[in-house]
Protein backbone atom coordinates (compact mmCIF):
# COMPACT_ATOMS: atom_id res chain seq x y z
CA MET A 1 -30.43 -12.50 -9.04
CA THR A 2 -28.88 -15.50 -7.33
CA GLY A 3 -25.54 -17.24 -7.81
CA ASP A 4 -22.58 -18.85 -6.09
CA LYS A 5 -19.93 -16.57 -7.63
CA PHE A 6 -20.20 -12.80 -7.52
CA ARG A 7 -18.31 -9.89 -9.03
CA LEU A 8 -18.30 -7.00 -6.59
CA ARG A 9 -17.55 -3.35 -7.28
CA PHE A 10 -16.27 -1.41 -4.28
CA ALA A 11 -14.72 1.88 -3.25
CA LYS A 12 -11.72 2.13 -0.93
CA ALA A 13 -11.13 5.74 0.04
CA GLY A 14 -10.37 8.12 2.87
CA THR A 15 -7.90 6.84 5.44
CA LEU A 16 -8.25 3.32 3.98
CA ARG A 17 -6.18 4.45 0.99
CA LEU A 18 -3.22 3.89 3.35
CA LEU A 19 -4.20 0.22 3.77
CA SER A 20 -1.92 -2.14 1.85
CA HIS A 21 -3.29 -4.74 -0.55
CA HIS A 22 -2.48 -7.59 1.81
CA ASP A 23 -4.11 -5.79 4.73
CA LEU A 24 -7.17 -5.22 2.55
CA MET A 25 -7.39 -8.96 1.90
CA ARG A 26 -7.27 -9.64 5.64
CA THR A 27 -9.91 -6.95 6.24
CA LEU A 28 -12.23 -8.50 3.66
CA GLU A 29 -11.83 -11.91 5.28
CA ARG A 30 -13.00 -10.45 8.61
CA VAL A 31 -15.90 -8.69 6.85
CA LEU A 32 -16.95 -11.98 5.22
CA ARG A 33 -16.88 -13.82 8.53
CA ARG A 34 -18.83 -11.13 10.35
CA ALA A 35 -21.35 -11.02 7.49
CA ASP A 36 -21.79 -14.80 7.94
CA LEU A 37 -21.39 -15.46 4.22
CA PRO A 38 -20.72 -19.07 3.18
CA PHE A 39 -17.50 -18.37 1.28
CA LYS A 40 -15.30 -21.00 -0.32
CA SER A 41 -11.78 -21.33 1.06
CA THR A 42 -8.48 -21.95 -0.65
CA ALA A 43 -6.55 -25.16 -0.06
CA GLY A 44 -3.20 -25.49 1.72
CA PHE A 45 -1.83 -24.85 5.19
CA SER A 46 -3.24 -21.31 5.43
CA PRO A 47 -6.70 -21.42 3.83
CA GLY A 48 -8.49 -18.16 3.13
CA PRO A 49 -11.52 -16.92 1.22
CA ARG A 50 -11.52 -17.49 -2.53
CA LEU A 51 -11.21 -13.79 -3.36
CA VAL A 52 -9.67 -12.63 -6.64
CA PHE A 53 -8.95 -8.93 -7.22
CA ALA A 54 -8.86 -7.63 -10.77
CA LEU A 55 -5.99 -5.26 -9.93
CA SER A 56 -4.59 -4.07 -6.63
CA LEU A 57 -4.10 -0.48 -5.55
CA PRO A 58 -0.84 1.10 -4.39
CA LEU A 59 -0.74 2.81 -1.03
CA GLY A 60 -2.14 6.31 -1.03
CA VAL A 61 -4.44 5.85 -4.05
CA ASP A 62 -8.22 5.98 -3.71
CA GLY A 63 -10.06 3.26 -5.61
CA LEU A 64 -13.54 4.42 -6.58
CA ASP A 65 -14.67 1.48 -8.73
CA GLU A 66 -12.51 -1.52 -7.84
CA VAL A 67 -13.33 -5.15 -8.64
CA VAL A 68 -13.13 -8.35 -6.60
CA GLU A 69 -14.70 -11.76 -7.23
CA LEU A 70 -16.05 -13.96 -4.44
CA GLU A 71 -17.00 -17.66 -4.53
CA LEU A 72 -19.63 -19.10 -2.17
CA THR A 73 -20.45 -22.66 -1.19
CA ARG A 74 -24.14 -22.21 -1.99
CA PRO A 75 -26.25 -19.84 -4.12
CA MET A 76 -27.36 -16.59 -2.53
CA ASP A 77 -29.28 -13.51 -3.64
CA ALA A 78 -27.01 -10.73 -4.90
CA ALA A 79 -28.85 -8.01 -2.98
CA GLU A 80 -28.48 -9.97 0.25
CA VAL A 81 -24.74 -10.41 -0.31
CA LEU A 82 -24.35 -6.68 -0.95
CA GLY A 83 -26.36 -5.74 2.14
CA ARG A 84 -24.49 -8.09 4.45
CA LEU A 85 -21.09 -6.86 3.28
CA ASN A 86 -21.92 -3.18 3.65
CA ALA A 87 -23.37 -3.79 7.11
CA GLN A 88 -19.96 -5.05 8.30
CA ALA A 89 -17.56 -2.99 6.17
CA PRO A 90 -15.37 -0.41 7.97
CA ALA A 91 -15.58 3.31 7.22
CA GLY A 92 -13.96 4.03 3.86
CA LEU A 93 -14.86 0.67 2.32
CA THR A 94 -18.16 0.63 0.41
CA PHE A 95 -19.52 -2.10 -1.83
CA THR A 96 -21.43 -0.37 -4.62
CA ARG A 97 -22.58 -3.12 -7.03
CA VAL A 98 -22.76 -6.88 -7.16
CA ALA A 99 -23.53 -9.26 -10.00
CA ALA A 100 -23.64 -13.04 -10.24
CA VAL A 101 -21.16 -14.37 -12.80
CA PRO A 102 -20.42 -17.86 -14.17
CA MET A 103 -17.99 -19.89 -12.10
CA LYS A 104 -15.49 -19.90 -14.99
CA ALA A 105 -15.59 -16.11 -15.39
CA THR A 106 -12.47 -14.14 -14.48
CA ALA A 107 -12.21 -10.38 -13.95
CA VAL A 108 -9.36 -9.57 -16.34
CA PRO A 109 -8.63 -5.81 -16.39
CA ARG A 110 -8.67 -4.09 -19.79
CA ARG A 111 -8.34 -0.39 -18.99
CA VAL A 112 -7.95 1.95 -15.99
CA GLU A 113 -8.37 5.66 -15.47
CA TYR A 114 -6.82 7.99 -12.90
CA ARG A 115 -7.76 11.61 -12.15
CA LEU A 116 -5.47 14.05 -10.36
CA PRO A 117 -6.63 17.59 -9.38
CA VAL A 118 -4.22 20.22 -10.70
CA PRO A 119 -3.81 23.90 -9.62
CA ALA A 120 -5.22 26.23 -12.26
CA ASP A 121 -1.90 28.02 -12.80
CA ARG A 122 -0.24 24.74 -13.85
CA VAL A 123 -2.93 23.60 -16.28
CA PRO A 124 -1.60 25.22 -19.51
CA ALA A 125 1.93 23.81 -19.21
CA LEU A 126 0.61 20.41 -18.14
CA ALA A 127 -1.80 20.28 -21.09
CA ASP A 128 1.09 20.98 -23.45
CA ARG A 129 3.23 18.27 -21.88
CA ALA A 130 0.35 15.76 -22.05
CA ALA A 131 -0.10 16.53 -25.75
CA GLU A 132 3.64 16.01 -26.31
CA LEU A 133 3.53 12.58 -24.68
CA MET A 134 0.55 11.50 -26.78
CA ALA A 135 2.26 12.74 -29.95
CA ALA A 136 5.50 10.89 -29.21
CA GLY A 137 6.25 7.72 -31.14
CA LYS A 138 7.89 6.15 -28.09
CA VAL A 139 7.83 6.98 -24.37
CA TRP A 140 10.68 5.35 -22.46
CA VAL A 141 10.78 4.65 -18.72
CA GLU A 142 13.35 2.81 -16.63
CA ARG A 143 12.44 -0.15 -14.44
CA THR A 144 14.61 -2.37 -12.26
CA ARG A 145 12.15 -5.21 -11.58
CA PRO A 146 11.93 -8.04 -12.40
CA THR A 147 15.01 -7.25 -14.52
CA PRO A 148 16.62 -3.86 -15.23
CA LYS A 149 15.42 -2.44 -18.54
CA ARG A 150 14.11 0.53 -20.46
CA LEU A 151 10.49 0.06 -21.45
CA ASN A 152 8.47 1.84 -24.12
CA ILE A 153 5.09 2.48 -22.49
CA ARG A 154 3.61 4.46 -25.38
CA PRO A 155 1.37 1.55 -26.57
CA TYR A 156 -0.32 1.54 -23.13
CA LEU A 157 -1.30 5.22 -23.24
CA ARG A 158 -4.88 5.39 -24.52
CA ALA A 159 -5.27 9.07 -23.64
CA ILE A 160 -3.62 11.68 -21.43
CA SER A 161 -5.40 15.00 -21.15
CA VAL A 162 -6.23 17.89 -18.85
CA ARG A 163 -9.90 18.59 -18.32
CA ASP A 164 -11.76 20.64 -15.69
CA ASP A 165 -8.51 21.36 -13.80
CA SER A 166 -7.74 17.64 -13.54
CA LEU A 167 -5.14 15.42 -15.17
CA LEU A 168 -6.78 12.36 -16.73
CA LEU A 169 -4.74 9.20 -17.32
CA ASP A 170 -6.48 6.61 -19.49
CA LEU A 171 -4.29 3.49 -19.65
CA TRP A 172 -4.53 0.10 -21.30
CA VAL A 173 -3.88 -2.94 -19.09
CA THR A 174 -2.63 -6.15 -20.71
CA GLN A 175 -1.33 -9.51 -19.54
CA THR A 176 2.18 -8.45 -20.54
CA GLY A 177 2.23 -4.97 -19.05
CA THR A 178 0.84 -1.48 -18.64
CA ALA A 179 1.99 2.04 -17.88
CA ARG A 180 2.23 3.03 -14.23
CA ALA A 181 0.61 6.19 -12.98
CA ASP A 182 3.62 7.12 -10.84
CA GLU A 183 5.87 6.99 -13.91
CA LEU A 184 3.53 9.24 -15.85
CA LEU A 185 3.27 11.78 -13.04
CA ARG A 186 7.07 11.98 -13.06
CA LEU A 187 7.23 12.34 -16.86
CA LEU A 188 4.59 15.08 -16.71
CA GLY A 189 6.38 16.91 -13.90
CA VAL A 190 3.51 16.78 -11.37
CA GLU A 191 4.75 14.14 -8.92
CA ASP A 192 5.26 16.98 -6.44
CA LEU A 193 1.48 17.37 -6.14
CA VAL A 194 1.16 13.87 -4.69
CA ASP A 195 4.20 14.43 -2.49
CA ALA A 196 2.46 17.55 -1.15
CA GLY A 197 -0.67 15.59 -0.21
CA ALA A 198 -2.87 15.48 -3.32
CA VAL A 199 -4.82 12.24 -3.65
CA LEU A 200 -4.70 10.32 -6.92
CA PRO A 201 -7.99 8.38 -7.34
CA ARG A 202 -8.36 5.45 -9.69
CA THR A 203 -11.80 6.16 -11.05
CA VAL A 204 -12.30 3.33 -13.55
CA VAL A 205 -11.35 -0.35 -13.75
CA GLU A 206 -12.72 -1.77 -16.99
CA ILE A 207 -13.11 -5.55 -17.23
CA ARG A 208 -12.66 -7.36 -20.54
CA ASP A 209 -15.82 -9.48 -20.50
CA GLU A 210 -17.95 -6.43 -19.66
CA VAL A 211 -16.98 -4.57 -22.84
CA PRO A 212 -19.02 -5.10 -26.05
CA PRO A 213 -16.97 -6.86 -28.76
CA ASP A 214 -17.60 -4.06 -31.28
CA GLN A 215 -15.52 -1.45 -29.43
CA PRO A 216 -13.55 0.65 -31.96
CA ASP A 217 -10.26 0.41 -30.04
CA GLY A 218 -8.57 -2.03 -27.74
CA PRO A 219 -5.38 -2.78 -25.80
CA PRO A 220 -2.16 -3.55 -27.71
CA ASP A 221 -1.12 -7.08 -28.57
CA GLY A 222 2.18 -8.44 -27.36
CA PRO A 223 4.84 -7.03 -25.04
CA ALA A 224 6.25 -3.52 -25.31
CA ASP A 225 9.69 -2.72 -26.73
CA THR A 226 12.54 -2.99 -24.24
CA LEU A 227 16.21 -2.02 -24.12
CA PRO A 228 18.91 -3.02 -21.59
CA LEU A 229 19.97 -0.57 -18.90
CA GLU A 230 23.58 0.49 -18.33
CA PRO A 231 24.91 -0.13 -14.78
CA ALA A 232 24.83 3.58 -13.90
CA ALA A 233 21.22 3.83 -15.10
CA VAL A 234 20.32 0.74 -13.06
CA ALA A 235 21.68 2.37 -9.89
CA ALA A 236 19.83 5.63 -10.60
CA ALA A 237 16.53 3.83 -11.32
CA ALA A 238 16.88 1.76 -8.15
CA ALA A 239 17.46 4.94 -6.12
CA ARG A 240 14.33 6.53 -7.58
CA GLU A 241 12.24 3.46 -6.76
CA ALA A 242 13.64 3.38 -3.21
CA GLN A 243 12.66 7.04 -2.72
CA SER A 244 9.10 6.30 -3.88
CA GLN A 245 8.57 3.55 -1.29
CA PRO A 246 6.27 2.51 0.22
CA ALA A 247 3.72 3.97 -2.20
CA ALA A 248 5.00 2.02 -5.18
CA ALA A 249 5.65 -1.23 -3.32
CA ASP A 250 2.35 -2.86 -4.22
CA TRP A 251 1.84 -1.18 -7.61
CA GLY A 252 0.43 -3.76 -10.02
CA LEU A 253 0.39 -6.69 -7.61
CA SER A 254 -2.38 -9.25 -7.63
CA PRO A 255 -2.99 -12.42 -5.58
CA ASN A 256 -1.48 -14.33 -8.52
CA GLY A 257 1.70 -12.26 -8.72
CA PRO A 258 2.77 -9.19 -10.68
CA VAL A 259 0.35 -8.18 -13.40
CA VAL A 260 2.27 -5.19 -14.73
CA GLU A 261 6.00 -5.29 -15.44
């Protein structure tokens, strides 16, 4: 299969989970140059490869099936592109699949899944709390950016469950927002597991144009309900976000700006 635009699936794990999104972009540029791939460059004073990520990862999160699109200046065979990239990729970065896509195609995320290992003695209480969240009519969180507000993230929760001693977060991603995994870990009372060193992998990134049109369910339409925050609540929410840095600093960022707020 040949083409001049490719959608690549890759895994970023191990010590590379501590690599920021911007550092990952710089790493991929070096990989492309060492692989001697004829990539297209952006315009402007600081041109770079025409790479578009479906959704970036926060620091500390393994990405097991991430998506990036690459444009080339001439058609190449997909297998050759995959082989050249993996030959130059650093340890912890593995390109798993590649497919040629039309030049007008865009990898718009539709759904993501996270999986967090949970100690067996905490499974029953966590399963009950997950069921409570899914049964709730509204699930409110507080955010300070881009403007302070309370946000109802319940429409973005496709499923939250505990299975095989793991917490599973199945979340819708839309152009107007999504739920954040760090918020859900706090609501479920298991953020201490990550603080103690547990790794939260993102196991699935589902792309809209890869899903059959006859799927029985889909992401919500329109923005979520919001309420203003009182000044005291704004200060408390800002303090919580400051304590979670740097892990939450790049949550939801893309090369085109914030995707999830």
